[in-house]
Amino acid sequence: YIIPRPLPVPDGWDSDAGTRIVLPFRPDSADARAGRCGSILDLVRGNVSQMSGSLLLFLNRLRHLEIVDVSGSDADQILRRVMKRKDEGRGIVCIEVICTDCGREKVVEERWLVTSAEFTPQVKRTEQAASDLTRLSVAIPLVPSSQLTDPPPEREVFAFLPVRSYGLRWIIQGDFVLPSARESVDPSNAWNHELLERVPDLFVRAALNLVQRASEARHESPASLHSHERDDEYLLNLLFAMIPRPGQSTEIFSSLPTQIL
């Protein structure tokens, strides 16, 4: 466990600059082993370099996240990962990821179509809950046509932060009940099952959104969209790639393909 402790406010600190969290490494972290992954420091750096911009999709008050590793001995060894979120309207969320490693900078833009619904389940999440109004979301990746594979890569299920993959090619976000280790969605929990009952209709709404965009792309081609998003054939191919196939999803999510189809 990491136990945080407050630090004195630095001289000249701008209170509007956001929140800064400092995680100091012990001097021997570069040498301490973490199994086959190498040192603990290498393991942390590897995890940081693989962090996806999708982390910002459902943390609604977080728009900018910057991670800087200054444990290297000189400036060329600094690892910096910056993620910026921008809501473009009509459900489009753009996340820019800038990674600087050993002086080399790489910029990746992630674009998502997010469809959400709010409702009050009949089952209470907890006995102490003051309100059980909850929001469920489906996020479809608007990957460039050149990166659209069949099948697309698996995406993780989120409970505000990633939990793990259950075989789906798009993200489900819900206030799921998780065990303390956050390693899975509790399959025995009635609240979770009621959330899942809403997913097929929500996916259909997202699919109809893509169909509408494909129709608009044929006639209007809004300049604000990326070139592949103005291609009606691409949007329909994306939709067909996202439709889950029987046997594709697992465990508590295994029945979703049949319910959607």
C-alpha atoms as a PDB file:
ATOM      1  CA  TYR A   1       0.000   0.000   0.000  1.00  0.00           C
ATOM      2  CA  ILE A   2       1.053   3.601  -0.622  1.00  0.00           C
ATOM      3  CA  ILE A   3       0.303   5.908   2.314  1.00  0.00           C
ATOM      4  CA  PRO A   4       0.277   9.560   1.189  1.00  0.00           C
ATOM      5  CA  ARG A   5       1.472  12.374   3.408  1.00  0.00           C
ATOM      6  CA  PRO A   6       1.056  16.108   2.749  1.00  0.00           C
ATOM      7  CA  LEU A   7       4.083  18.147   1.725  1.00  0.00           C
ATOM      8  CA  PRO A   8       4.673  21.838   2.420  1.00  0.00           C
ATOM      9  CA  VAL A   9       3.392  24.132  -0.338  1.00  0.00           C
ATOM     10  CA  PRO A  10       6.370  24.907  -2.634  1.00  0.00           C
ATOM     11  CA  ASP A  11       7.456  28.514  -3.009  1.00  0.00           C
ATOM     12  CA  GLY A  12       5.667  30.204  -5.880  1.00  0.00           C
ATOM     13  CA  TRP A  13       3.112  27.386  -6.230  1.00  0.00           C
ATOM     14  CA  ASP A  14       0.091  28.313  -8.354  1.00  0.00           C
ATOM     15  CA  SER A  15      -3.037  27.035  -6.587  1.00  0.00           C
ATOM     16  CA  ASP A  16      -4.837  26.885  -9.956  1.00  0.00           C
ATOM     17  CA  ALA A  17      -2.188  24.602 -11.465  1.00  0.00           C
ATOM     18  CA  GLY A  18      -4.001  21.419 -10.399  1.00  0.00           C
ATOM     19  CA  THR A  19      -2.902  18.564  -8.163  1.00  0.00           C
ATOM     20  CA  ARG A  20       0.658  17.262  -8.008  1.00  0.00           C
ATOM     21  CA  ILE A  21       1.497  13.867  -6.503  1.00  0.00           C
ATOM     22  CA  VAL A  22       5.170  13.048  -5.842  1.00  0.00           C
ATOM     23  CA  LEU A  23       6.097   9.354  -5.526  1.00  0.00           C
ATOM     24  CA  PRO A  24       9.763   9.118  -4.511  1.00  0.00           C
ATOM     25  CA  PHE A  25      11.679   5.937  -5.314  1.00  0.00           C
ATOM     26  CA  ARG A  26      14.042   4.433  -2.785  1.00  0.00           C
ATOM     27  CA  PRO A  27      17.689   4.705  -3.854  1.00  0.00           C
ATOM     28  CA  ASP A  28      17.868   0.939  -4.437  1.00  0.00           C
ATOM     29  CA  SER A  29      14.717   0.799  -6.659  1.00  0.00           C
ATOM     30  CA  ALA A  30      16.807   0.684  -9.815  1.00  0.00           C
ATOM     31  CA  ASP A  31      18.516  -2.471  -8.562  1.00  0.00           C
ATOM     32  CA  ALA A  32      15.672  -4.198  -6.703  1.00  0.00           C
ATOM     33  CA  ARG A  33      14.342  -7.031  -8.826  1.00  0.00           C
ATOM     34  CA  ALA A  34      10.695  -7.495  -9.855  1.00  0.00           C
ATOM     35  CA  GLY A  35      10.942 -11.009 -11.251  1.00  0.00           C
ATOM     36  CA  ARG A  36      11.326 -11.410 -15.007  1.00  0.00           C
ATOM     37  CA  CYS A  37      10.311  -7.760 -15.543  1.00  0.00           C
ATOM     38  CA  GLY A  38      13.709  -6.483 -14.423  1.00  0.00           C
ATOM     39  CA  SER A  39      14.031  -3.873 -11.711  1.00  0.00           C
ATOM     40  CA  ILE A  40      11.087  -2.289  -9.903  1.00  0.00           C
ATOM     41  CA  LEU A  41      11.964   0.998 -11.586  1.00  0.00           C
ATOM     42  CA  ASP A  42      11.882  -0.651 -15.030  1.00  0.00           C
ATOM     43  CA  LEU A  43       8.507  -2.190 -14.196  1.00  0.00           C
ATOM     44  CA  VAL A  44       7.026   1.180 -13.210  1.00  0.00           C
ATOM     45  CA  ARG A  45       8.446   2.853 -16.323  1.00  0.00           C
ATOM     46  CA  GLY A  46       7.011   0.107 -18.515  1.00  0.00           C
ATOM     47  CA  ASN A  47       3.555   0.503 -16.975  1.00  0.00           C
ATOM     48  CA  VAL A  48       3.665   4.283 -17.448  1.00  0.00           C
ATOM     49  CA  SER A  49       4.691   3.968 -21.101  1.00  0.00           C
ATOM     50  CA  GLN A  50       1.720   1.669 -21.762  1.00  0.00           C
ATOM     51  CA  MET A  51      -0.936   3.848 -20.102  1.00  0.00           C
ATOM     52  CA  SER A  52      -3.799   4.506 -22.494  1.00  0.00           C
ATOM     53  CA  GLY A  53      -5.536   7.835 -22.963  1.00  0.00           C
ATOM     54  CA  SER A  54      -8.794   6.003 -22.254  1.00  0.00           C
ATOM     55  CA  LEU A  55      -7.972   6.568 -18.563  1.00  0.00           C
ATOM     56  CA  LEU A  56      -9.478  10.052 -18.987  1.00  0.00           C
ATOM     57  CA  LEU A  57     -12.729   8.889 -20.586  1.00  0.00           C
ATOM     58  CA  PHE A  58     -14.805   8.543 -17.425  1.00  0.00           C
ATOM     59  CA  LEU A  59     -13.007  10.676 -14.840  1.00  0.00           C
ATOM     60  CA  ASN A  60     -15.194  13.591 -15.823  1.00  0.00           C
ATOM     61  CA  ARG A  61     -13.438  16.313 -13.816  1.00  0.00           C
ATOM     62  CA  LEU A  62      -9.998  15.281 -15.036  1.00  0.00           C
ATOM     63  CA  ARG A  63      -8.964  16.889 -18.312  1.00  0.00           C
ATOM     64  CA  HIS A  64      -5.179  16.844 -18.171  1.00  0.00           C
ATOM     65  CA  LEU A  65      -2.855  14.205 -16.726  1.00  0.00           C
ATOM     66  CA  GLU A  66       0.939  14.493 -16.845  1.00  0.00           C
ATOM     67  CA  ILE A  67       3.330  11.834 -15.540  1.00  0.00           C
ATOM     68  CA  VAL A  68       7.028  12.668 -15.327  1.00  0.00           C
ATOM     69  CA  ASP A  69       9.784  10.247 -14.325  1.00  0.00           C
ATOM     70  CA  VAL A  70      12.846  12.266 -13.316  1.00  0.00           C
ATOM     71  CA  SER A  71      14.718   9.364 -11.722  1.00  0.00           C
ATOM     72  CA  GLY A  72      17.206   9.259 -14.623  1.00  0.00           C
ATOM     73  CA  SER A  73      20.664  10.712 -14.180  1.00  0.00           C
ATOM     74  CA  ASP A  74      20.357  13.304 -16.960  1.00  0.00           C
ATOM     75  CA  ALA A  75      17.725  15.189 -18.967  1.00  0.00           C
ATOM     76  CA  ASP A  76      17.801  12.690 -21.857  1.00  0.00           C
ATOM     77  CA  GLN A  77      16.542   9.954 -19.529  1.00  0.00           C
ATOM     78  CA  ILE A  78      13.402  11.804 -18.420  1.00  0.00           C
ATOM     79  CA  LEU A  79      10.197   9.945 -19.277  1.00  0.00           C
ATOM     80  CA  ARG A  80       7.141  12.169 -19.717  1.00  0.00           C
ATOM     81  CA  ARG A  81       3.601  11.102 -20.634  1.00  0.00           C
ATOM     82  CA  VAL A  82       0.942  13.773 -21.116  1.00  0.00           C
ATOM     83  CA  MET A  83      -2.746  13.054 -21.751  1.00  0.00           C
ATOM     84  CA  LYS A  84      -5.242  15.787 -22.638  1.00  0.00           C
ATOM     85  CA  ARG A  85      -8.971  15.344 -23.067  1.00  0.00           C
ATOM     86  CA  LYS A  86     -11.229  17.445 -25.290  1.00  0.00           C
ATOM     87  CA  ASP A  87     -14.992  16.955 -25.712  1.00  0.00           C
ATOM     88  CA  GLU A  88     -15.946  17.801 -29.296  1.00  0.00           C
ATOM     89  CA  GLY A  89     -19.709  17.418 -28.930  1.00  0.00           C
ATOM     90  CA  ARG A  90     -22.250  14.804 -30.045  1.00  0.00           C
ATOM     91  CA  GLY A  91     -20.482  12.184 -27.976  1.00  0.00           C
ATOM     92  CA  ILE A  92     -17.039  12.548 -29.568  1.00  0.00           C
ATOM     93  CA  VAL A  93     -14.179  12.578 -27.047  1.00  0.00           C
ATOM     94  CA  CYS A  94     -10.643  13.261 -28.268  1.00  0.00           C
ATOM     95  CA  ILE A  95      -7.651  12.351 -26.102  1.00  0.00           C
ATOM     96  CA  GLU A  96      -4.177  13.446 -27.137  1.00  0.00           C
ATOM     97  CA  VAL A  97      -1.321  11.369 -25.735  1.00  0.00           C
ATOM     98  CA  ILE A  98       2.198  12.833 -25.891  1.00  0.00           C
ATOM     99  CA  CYS A  99       5.037  10.545 -24.806  1.00  0.00           C
ATOM    100  CA  THR A 100       8.639  11.735 -24.495  1.00  0.00           C
ATOM    101  CA  ASP A 101      11.234   9.062 -23.844  1.00  0.00           C
ATOM    102  CA  CYS A 102      14.996   9.612 -24.065  1.00  0.00           C
ATOM    103  CA  GLY A 103      14.451  12.849 -25.966  1.00  0.00           C
ATOM    104  CA  ARG A 104      12.117  11.290 -28.582  1.00  0.00           C
ATOM    105  CA  GLU A 105       8.546  12.574 -28.707  1.00  0.00           C
ATOM    106  CA  LYS A 106       5.565  10.597 -30.001  1.00  0.00           C
ATOM    107  CA  VAL A 107       2.047  12.022 -30.333  1.00  0.00           C
ATOM    108  CA  VAL A 108      -1.018   9.768 -30.599  1.00  0.00           C
ATOM    109  CA  GLU A 109      -4.631  10.915 -30.825  1.00  0.00           C
ATOM    110  CA  GLU A 110      -7.386   8.651 -29.533  1.00  0.00           C
ATOM    111  CA  ARG A 111     -10.964   9.381 -30.594  1.00  0.00           C
ATOM    112  CA  TRP A 112     -14.022   7.777 -29.021  1.00  0.00           C
ATOM    113  CA  LEU A 113     -17.755   7.859 -29.580  1.00  0.00           C
ATOM    114  CA  VAL A 114     -19.315   7.773 -26.099  1.00  0.00           C
ATOM    115  CA  THR A 115     -23.023   7.006 -25.617  1.00  0.00           C
ATOM    116  CA  SER A 116     -24.443   7.257 -22.094  1.00  0.00           C
ATOM    117  CA  ALA A 117     -27.694   6.814 -20.204  1.00  0.00           C
ATOM    118  CA  GLU A 118     -28.727   7.667 -16.642  1.00  0.00           C
ATOM    119  CA  PHE A 119     -31.277   5.605 -14.741  1.00  0.00           C
ATOM    120  CA  THR A 120     -32.204   4.366 -11.274  1.00  0.00           C
ATOM    121  CA  PRO A 121     -31.924   0.572 -10.949  1.00  0.00           C
ATOM    122  CA  GLN A 122     -34.572  -1.274  -8.979  1.00  0.00           C
ATOM    123  CA  VAL A 123     -31.825  -2.950  -6.946  1.00  0.00           C
ATOM    124  CA  LYS A 124     -29.963  -0.803  -4.405  1.00  0.00           C
ATOM    125  CA  ARG A 125     -26.196  -0.714  -4.792  1.00  0.00           C
ATOM    126  CA  THR A 126     -25.638  -0.560  -1.045  1.00  0.00           C
ATOM    127  CA  GLU A 127     -27.913  -0.254   1.941  1.00  0.00           C
ATOM    128  CA  GLN A 128     -26.298   3.084   2.816  1.00  0.00           C
ATOM    129  CA  ALA A 129     -26.640   4.664  -0.641  1.00  0.00           C
ATOM    130  CA  ALA A 130     -28.466   7.998  -0.517  1.00  0.00           C
ATOM    131  CA  SER A 131     -29.268   7.872  -4.228  1.00  0.00           C
ATOM    132  CA  ASP A 132     -28.932   5.025  -6.700  1.00  0.00           C
ATOM    133  CA  LEU A 133     -29.088   7.194  -9.824  1.00  0.00           C
ATOM    134  CA  THR A 134     -26.291   5.875 -11.986  1.00  0.00           C
ATOM    135  CA  ARG A 135     -24.770   6.434 -15.424  1.00  0.00           C
ATOM    136  CA  LEU A 136     -23.861   3.681 -17.864  1.00  0.00           C
ATOM    137  CA  SER A 137     -21.702   4.342 -20.931  1.00  0.00           C
ATOM    138  CA  VAL A 138     -20.528   2.585 -24.069  1.00  0.00           C
ATOM    139  CA  ALA A 139     -17.376   3.908 -25.787  1.00  0.00           C
ATOM    140  CA  ILE A 140     -16.558   2.885 -29.368  1.00  0.00           C
ATOM    141  CA  PRO A 141     -12.993   3.571 -30.578  1.00  0.00           C
ATOM    142  CA  LEU A 142     -12.904   5.653 -33.773  1.00  0.00           C
ATOM    143  CA  VAL A 143      -9.637   4.155 -34.934  1.00  0.00           C
ATOM    144  CA  PRO A 144      -8.237   5.160 -38.357  1.00  0.00           C
ATOM    145  CA  SER A 145      -9.417   2.892 -41.161  1.00  0.00           C
ATOM    146  CA  SER A 146      -5.856   1.625 -41.678  1.00  0.00           C
ATOM    147  CA  GLN A 147      -5.878   0.324 -38.085  1.00  0.00           C
ATOM    148  CA  LEU A 148      -9.309  -1.320 -38.225  1.00  0.00           C
ATOM    149  CA  THR A 149      -8.678  -5.046 -37.856  1.00  0.00           C
ATOM    150  CA  ASP A 150     -11.003  -8.045 -37.870  1.00  0.00           C
ATOM    151  CA  PRO A 151     -11.478  -8.754 -35.076  1.00  0.00           C
ATOM    152  CA  PRO A 152     -10.470  -5.476 -33.397  1.00  0.00           C
ATOM    153  CA  PRO A 153      -8.397  -5.652 -30.190  1.00  0.00           C
ATOM    154  CA  GLU A 154     -10.178  -6.362 -26.935  1.00  0.00           C
ATOM    155  CA  ARG A 155     -11.076  -3.429 -24.683  1.00  0.00           C
ATOM    156  CA  GLU A 156     -11.327  -3.334 -20.925  1.00  0.00           C
ATOM    157  CA  VAL A 157     -14.470  -2.958 -18.855  1.00  0.00           C
ATOM    158  CA  PHE A 158     -14.310   0.176 -16.696  1.00  0.00           C
ATOM    159  CA  ALA A 159     -15.579   1.074 -13.259  1.00  0.00           C
ATOM    160  CA  PHE A 160     -14.346   4.672 -13.755  1.00  0.00           C
ATOM    161  CA  LEU A 161     -10.861   3.130 -14.104  1.00  0.00           C
ATOM    162  CA  PRO A 162     -10.018  -0.010 -16.110  1.00  0.00           C
ATOM    163  CA  VAL A 163     -10.868  -3.348 -14.512  1.00  0.00           C
ATOM    164  CA  ARG A 164      -9.955  -5.936 -17.166  1.00  0.00           C
ATOM    165  CA  SER A 165     -11.015  -7.282 -20.559  1.00  0.00           C
ATOM    166  CA  TYR A 166     -13.981  -9.610 -20.972  1.00  0.00           C
ATOM    167  CA  GLY A 167     -13.551 -10.062 -24.729  1.00  0.00           C
ATOM    168  CA  LEU A 168     -15.553  -7.056 -25.947  1.00  0.00           C
ATOM    169  CA  ARG A 169     -14.159  -4.753 -28.653  1.00  0.00           C
ATOM    170  CA  TRP A 170     -15.592  -1.605 -27.057  1.00  0.00           C
ATOM    171  CA  ILE A 171     -15.627  -0.208 -23.546  1.00  0.00           C
ATOM    172  CA  ILE A 172     -18.440  -0.590 -21.047  1.00  0.00           C
ATOM    173  CA  GLN A 173     -18.296   1.896 -18.161  1.00  0.00           C
ATOM    174  CA  GLY A 174     -20.506   1.424 -15.140  1.00  0.00           C
ATOM    175  CA  ASP A 175     -20.466   1.883 -11.384  1.00  0.00           C
ATOM    176  CA  PHE A 176     -19.940  -1.854 -10.993  1.00  0.00           C
ATOM    177  CA  VAL A 177     -19.463  -3.497  -7.621  1.00  0.00           C
ATOM    178  CA  LEU A 178     -15.919  -4.877  -7.503  1.00  0.00           C
ATOM    179  CA  PRO A 179     -13.960  -6.912  -4.971  1.00  0.00           C
ATOM    180  CA  SER A 180     -11.370  -4.967  -2.999  1.00  0.00           C
ATOM    181  CA  ALA A 181      -8.555  -5.923  -5.396  1.00  0.00           C
ATOM    182  CA  ARG A 182     -10.506  -4.505  -8.412  1.00  0.00           C
ATOM    183  CA  GLU A 183      -9.563  -7.547 -10.480  1.00  0.00           C
ATOM    184  CA  SER A 184     -13.052  -8.341 -11.809  1.00  0.00           C
ATOM    185  CA  VAL A 185     -16.742  -7.432 -11.861  1.00  0.00           C
ATOM    186  CA  ASP A 186     -18.556  -9.325  -9.098  1.00  0.00           C
ATOM    187  CA  PRO A 187     -20.685 -11.913 -10.967  1.00  0.00           C
ATOM    188  CA  SER A 188     -22.882 -12.636  -7.929  1.00  0.00           C
ATOM    189  CA  ASN A 189     -24.000  -9.035  -7.369  1.00  0.00           C
ATOM    190  CA  ALA A 190     -27.599  -8.167  -8.318  1.00  0.00           C
ATOM    191  CA  TRP A 191     -26.735  -4.491  -8.973  1.00  0.00           C
ATOM    192  CA  ASN A 192     -24.143  -5.540 -11.557  1.00  0.00           C
ATOM    193  CA  HIS A 193     -26.636  -7.783 -13.329  1.00  0.00           C
ATOM    194  CA  GLU A 194     -29.186  -4.986 -13.553  1.00  0.00           C
ATOM    195  CA  LEU A 195     -26.567  -2.674 -15.080  1.00  0.00           C
ATOM    196  CA  LEU A 196     -25.725  -5.345 -17.638  1.00  0.00           C
ATOM    197  CA  GLU A 197     -29.394  -5.670 -18.613  1.00  0.00           C
ATOM    198  CA  ARG A 198     -29.202  -2.076 -19.878  1.00  0.00           C
ATOM    199  CA  VAL A 199     -26.093  -2.595 -22.028  1.00  0.00           C
ATOM    200  CA  PRO A 200     -27.760  -4.117 -25.157  1.00  0.00           C
ATOM    201  CA  ASP A 201     -30.131  -1.149 -25.601  1.00  0.00           C
ATOM    202  CA  LEU A 202     -27.268   1.281 -25.009  1.00  0.00           C
ATOM    203  CA  PHE A 203     -25.102  -0.468 -27.606  1.00  0.00           C
ATOM    204  CA  VAL A 204     -27.977  -0.283 -30.095  1.00  0.00           C
ATOM    205  CA  ARG A 205     -28.172   3.488 -29.460  1.00  0.00           C
ATOM    206  CA  ALA A 206     -24.448   3.766 -30.147  1.00  0.00           C
ATOM    207  CA  ALA A 207     -24.856   1.698 -33.320  1.00  0.00           C
ATOM    208  CA  LEU A 208     -27.702   3.930 -34.545  1.00  0.00           C
ATOM    209  CA  ASN A 209     -25.476   6.932 -33.839  1.00  0.00           C
ATOM    210  CA  LEU A 210     -22.845   5.451 -36.172  1.00  0.00           C
ATOM    211  CA  VAL A 211     -25.485   4.753 -38.836  1.00  0.00           C
ATOM    212  CA  GLN A 212     -26.714   8.365 -38.599  1.00  0.00           C
ATOM    213  CA  ARG A 213     -23.147   9.643 -38.915  1.00  0.00           C
ATOM    214  CA  ALA A 214     -22.616   7.436 -41.965  1.00  0.00           C
ATOM    215  CA  SER A 215     -25.744   8.936 -43.556  1.00  0.00           C
ATOM    216  CA  GLU A 216     -24.579  12.471 -42.761  1.00  0.00           C
ATOM    217  CA  ALA A 217     -21.093  11.717 -44.084  1.00  0.00           C
ATOM    218  CA  ARG A 218     -22.671  10.858 -47.432  1.00  0.00           C
ATOM    219  CA  HIS A 219     -24.251  14.282 -47.758  1.00  0.00           C
ATOM    220  CA  GLU A 220     -22.558  16.792 -45.462  1.00  0.00           C
ATOM    221  CA  SER A 221     -19.027  15.615 -44.546  1.00  0.00           C
ATOM    222  CA  PRO A 222     -18.512  18.069 -41.628  1.00  0.00           C
ATOM    223  CA  ALA A 223     -15.028  19.534 -41.776  1.00  0.00           C
ATOM    224  CA  SER A 224     -14.598  19.028 -38.015  1.00  0.00           C
ATOM    225  CA  LEU A 225     -14.476  15.259 -38.487  1.00  0.00           C
ATOM    226  CA  HIS A 226     -11.338  13.376 -39.397  1.00  0.00           C
ATOM    227  CA  SER A 227     -11.133  12.151 -42.985  1.00  0.00           C
ATOM    228  CA  HIS A 228     -11.977   8.524 -42.137  1.00  0.00           C
ATOM    229  CA  GLU A 229     -14.972   9.717 -40.072  1.00  0.00           C
ATOM    230  CA  ARG A 230     -16.349  11.394 -43.205  1.00  0.00           C
ATOM    231  CA  ASP A 231     -16.303   8.039 -44.992  1.00  0.00           C
ATOM    232  CA  ASP A 232     -19.677   6.323 -44.719  1.00  0.00           C
ATOM    233  CA  GLU A 233     -18.193   2.960 -45.739  1.00  0.00           C
ATOM    234  CA  TYR A 234     -15.621   3.193 -42.941  1.00  0.00           C
ATOM    235  CA  LEU A 235     -18.287   4.011 -40.336  1.00  0.00           C
ATOM    236  CA  LEU A 236     -20.411   1.026 -41.367  1.00  0.00           C
ATOM    237  CA  ASN A 237     -17.370  -1.269 -41.396  1.00  0.00           C
ATOM    238  CA  LEU A 238     -16.534   0.004 -37.909  1.00  0.00           C
ATOM    239  CA  LEU A 239     -20.060  -0.791 -36.742  1.00  0.00           C
ATOM    240  CA  PHE A 240     -19.929  -4.349 -38.079  1.00  0.00           C
ATOM    241  CA  ALA A 241     -16.503  -4.844 -36.458  1.00  0.00           C
ATOM    242  CA  MET A 242     -17.875  -3.712 -33.085  1.00  0.00           C
ATOM    243  CA  ILE A 243     -20.913  -6.037 -33.050  1.00  0.00           C
ATOM    244  CA  PRO A 244     -20.005  -8.788 -30.557  1.00  0.00           C
ATOM    245  CA  ARG A 245     -20.125 -12.337 -31.825  1.00  0.00           C
ATOM    246  CA  PRO A 246     -21.379 -15.318 -29.808  1.00  0.00           C
ATOM    247  CA  GLY A 247     -18.553 -16.788 -27.776  1.00  0.00           C
ATOM    248  CA  GLN A 248     -16.498 -13.600 -27.976  1.00  0.00           C
ATOM    249  CA  SER A 249     -17.265 -12.212 -24.502  1.00  0.00           C
ATOM    250  CA  THR A 250     -16.738 -14.140 -21.287  1.00  0.00           C
ATOM    251  CA  GLU A 251     -18.059 -14.746 -17.773  1.00  0.00           C
ATOM    252  CA  ILE A 252     -20.687 -12.260 -16.539  1.00  0.00           C
ATOM    253  CA  PHE A 253     -20.649 -10.569 -19.985  1.00  0.00           C
ATOM    254  CA  SER A 254     -20.992 -13.803 -22.007  1.00  0.00           C
ATOM    255  CA  SER A 255     -24.695 -13.339 -22.825  1.00  0.00           C
ATOM    256  CA  LEU A 256     -24.309  -9.835 -24.313  1.00  0.00           C
ATOM    257  CA  PRO A 257     -23.760 -10.924 -27.964  1.00  0.00           C
ATOM    258  CA  THR A 258     -26.975 -12.964 -27.992  1.00  0.00           C
ATOM    259  CA  GLN A 259     -28.941 -10.158 -26.307  1.00  0.00           C
ATOM    260  CA  ILE A 260     -27.627  -7.537 -28.774  1.00  0.00           C
ATOM    261  CA  LEU A 261     -28.219  -9.675 -31.868  1.00  0.00           C
END
